[in-house]
Amino acid sequence: MLRLAALSTALVLVVLAGCSGSQYAVRPVPRIVADTVGKPVSALQEAFGEPRKIDVTPTKLIYVWFLPQKPKDASPSGFQGCEMEVTVDARSQRVLGYSLSNIGWSNCGDVQRRIRVAQR
């Protein structure tokens, strides 16, 4: 019995050590975007890839991403997902604000992505 307890404790410590070194985390899209306000847009490009389109004005850029979402079991199938528009300062390339739009039966709060987190 003592060997079993020691083995399970060692296994838990190995798993925890592996998790603590991870540089990635899964976060909901609204939290990812809210955390990048005031930061360079490159963080969003790393998390979501290249935007679907970029609208250019003299003072700002508007990046648009579409994040497809699979319908839940009872939901009708079709074009569903979350559209994210991010306003970026043209000079500093920093995020000024964002808006999220539900497309179809999806909910942007349910969409999650794996992102790189800062090392401490």
Protein backbone atom coordinates (compact mmCIF):
# COMPACT_ATOMS: atom_id res chain seq x y z
CA MET A 1 0.00 0.00 0.00
CA LEU A 2 2.88 2.33 0.79
CA ARG A 3 4.42 1.67 -2.63
CA LEU A 4 1.15 2.54 -4.33
CA ALA A 5 0.90 5.83 -2.43
CA ALA A 6 4.53 6.70 -3.23
CA LEU A 7 4.04 5.82 -6.91
CA SER A 8 0.87 7.92 -7.22
CA THR A 9 2.55 10.87 -5.49
CA ALA A 10 5.52 10.65 -7.85
CA LEU A 11 3.20 10.49 -10.85
CA VAL A 12 1.29 13.60 -9.69
CA LEU A 13 4.56 15.50 -9.23
CA VAL A 14 5.74 14.55 -12.74
CA VAL A 15 2.45 15.70 -14.27
CA LEU A 16 2.52 18.99 -12.35
CA ALA A 17 6.12 19.62 -13.37
CA GLY A 18 5.18 19.09 -17.01
CA CYS A 19 2.24 21.49 -16.78
CA SER A 20 4.19 24.25 -15.06
CA GLY A 21 6.66 24.48 -17.94
CA SER A 22 3.96 24.89 -20.57
CA GLN A 23 4.06 28.14 -22.50
CA TYR A 24 0.49 27.77 -23.82
CA ALA A 25 -2.99 28.09 -22.32
CA VAL A 26 -6.54 27.79 -23.63
CA ARG A 27 -8.53 31.00 -23.22
CA PRO A 28 -11.94 32.22 -24.44
CA VAL A 29 -11.77 34.66 -27.36
CA PRO A 30 -13.33 37.64 -25.48
CA ARG A 31 -10.66 37.38 -22.79
CA ILE A 32 -7.82 37.10 -25.32
CA VAL A 33 -8.95 40.21 -27.17
CA ALA A 34 -9.69 42.21 -24.02
CA ASP A 35 -6.20 41.42 -22.68
CA THR A 36 -4.56 42.77 -25.87
CA VAL A 37 -6.10 46.27 -25.77
CA GLY A 38 -3.17 48.70 -25.64
CA LYS A 39 -0.71 46.03 -26.79
CA PRO A 40 0.74 45.35 -30.27
CA VAL A 41 -1.61 43.69 -32.75
CA SER A 42 1.06 41.06 -33.42
CA ALA A 43 -0.14 39.20 -30.31
CA LEU A 44 -3.55 38.70 -31.97
CA GLN A 45 -1.94 37.71 -35.25
CA GLU A 46 0.04 35.05 -33.39
CA ALA A 47 -3.11 33.74 -31.67
CA PHE A 48 -5.51 33.82 -34.64
CA GLY A 49 -3.29 33.83 -37.73
CA GLU A 50 -3.62 36.26 -40.60
CA PRO A 51 -6.83 38.32 -40.62
CA ARG A 52 -9.53 37.76 -43.22
CA LYS A 53 -9.25 41.42 -44.26
CA ILE A 54 -7.68 44.71 -43.20
CA ASP A 55 -9.50 47.99 -43.80
CA VAL A 56 -7.12 50.97 -43.98
CA THR A 57 -7.93 54.59 -43.05
CA PRO A 58 -5.48 57.47 -42.53
CA THR A 59 -5.48 57.13 -38.74
CA LYS A 60 -6.43 53.53 -38.00
CA LEU A 61 -6.53 49.98 -39.33
CA ILE A 62 -9.43 47.60 -38.83
CA TYR A 63 -8.43 43.93 -38.72
CA VAL A 64 -11.22 41.38 -39.24
CA TRP A 65 -10.99 37.72 -38.27
CA PHE A 66 -13.64 35.05 -38.73
CA LEU A 67 -13.43 32.22 -36.23
CA PRO A 68 -15.51 29.24 -37.42
CA GLN A 69 -17.38 27.26 -34.81
CA LYS A 70 -18.90 23.82 -35.16
CA PRO A 71 -22.60 23.69 -34.26
CA LYS A 72 -23.68 21.86 -31.13
CA ASP A 73 -25.60 18.61 -31.53
CA ALA A 74 -29.10 20.13 -31.61
CA SER A 75 -28.16 23.26 -33.56
CA PRO A 76 -28.81 23.55 -37.27
CA SER A 77 -25.71 23.21 -39.41
CA GLY A 78 -24.41 25.93 -41.71
CA PHE A 79 -22.21 29.01 -41.60
CA GLN A 80 -21.55 29.65 -37.91
CA GLY A 81 -18.81 31.34 -35.96
CA CYS A 82 -17.59 34.54 -34.43
CA GLU A 83 -16.44 37.63 -36.32
CA MET A 84 -13.90 39.79 -34.53
CA GLU A 85 -13.14 43.37 -35.60
CA VAL A 86 -10.11 44.96 -33.99
CA THR A 87 -9.27 48.66 -34.34
CA VAL A 88 -5.54 49.36 -34.42
CA ASP A 89 -3.63 52.66 -34.34
CA ALA A 90 -1.93 53.11 -37.73
CA ARG A 91 1.30 54.54 -36.27
CA SER A 92 1.93 52.49 -33.15
CA GLN A 93 0.25 49.24 -34.33
CA ARG A 94 -1.41 48.96 -30.89
CA VAL A 95 -4.95 47.68 -30.35
CA LEU A 96 -7.42 50.48 -29.57
CA GLY A 97 -10.60 48.44 -29.24
CA TYR A 98 -12.59 45.50 -30.56
CA SER A 99 -16.06 44.16 -31.28
CA LEU A 100 -17.32 40.58 -31.45
CA SER A 101 -20.30 39.48 -33.55
CA ASN A 102 -22.07 36.14 -33.35
CA ILE A 103 -22.68 34.60 -36.78
CA GLY A 104 -25.48 32.03 -37.02
CA TRP A 105 -26.27 30.16 -33.81
CA SER A 106 -22.79 30.48 -32.35
CA ASN A 107 -21.76 32.33 -29.23
CA CYS A 108 -18.40 34.16 -29.22
CA GLY A 109 -18.00 33.49 -25.50
CA ASP A 110 -17.88 29.76 -26.21
CA VAL A 111 -15.05 29.98 -28.77
CA GLN A 112 -11.62 29.21 -27.31
CA ARG A 113 -8.11 29.34 -28.70
CA ARG A 114 -4.73 28.11 -27.54
CA ILE A 115 -2.38 31.06 -27.00
CA ARG A 116 1.19 31.57 -25.90
CA VAL A 117 1.43 32.96 -22.38
CA ALA A 118 4.31 34.95 -20.94
CA GLN A 119 6.94 33.16 -18.88
CA ARG A 120 7.30 34.29 -15.26
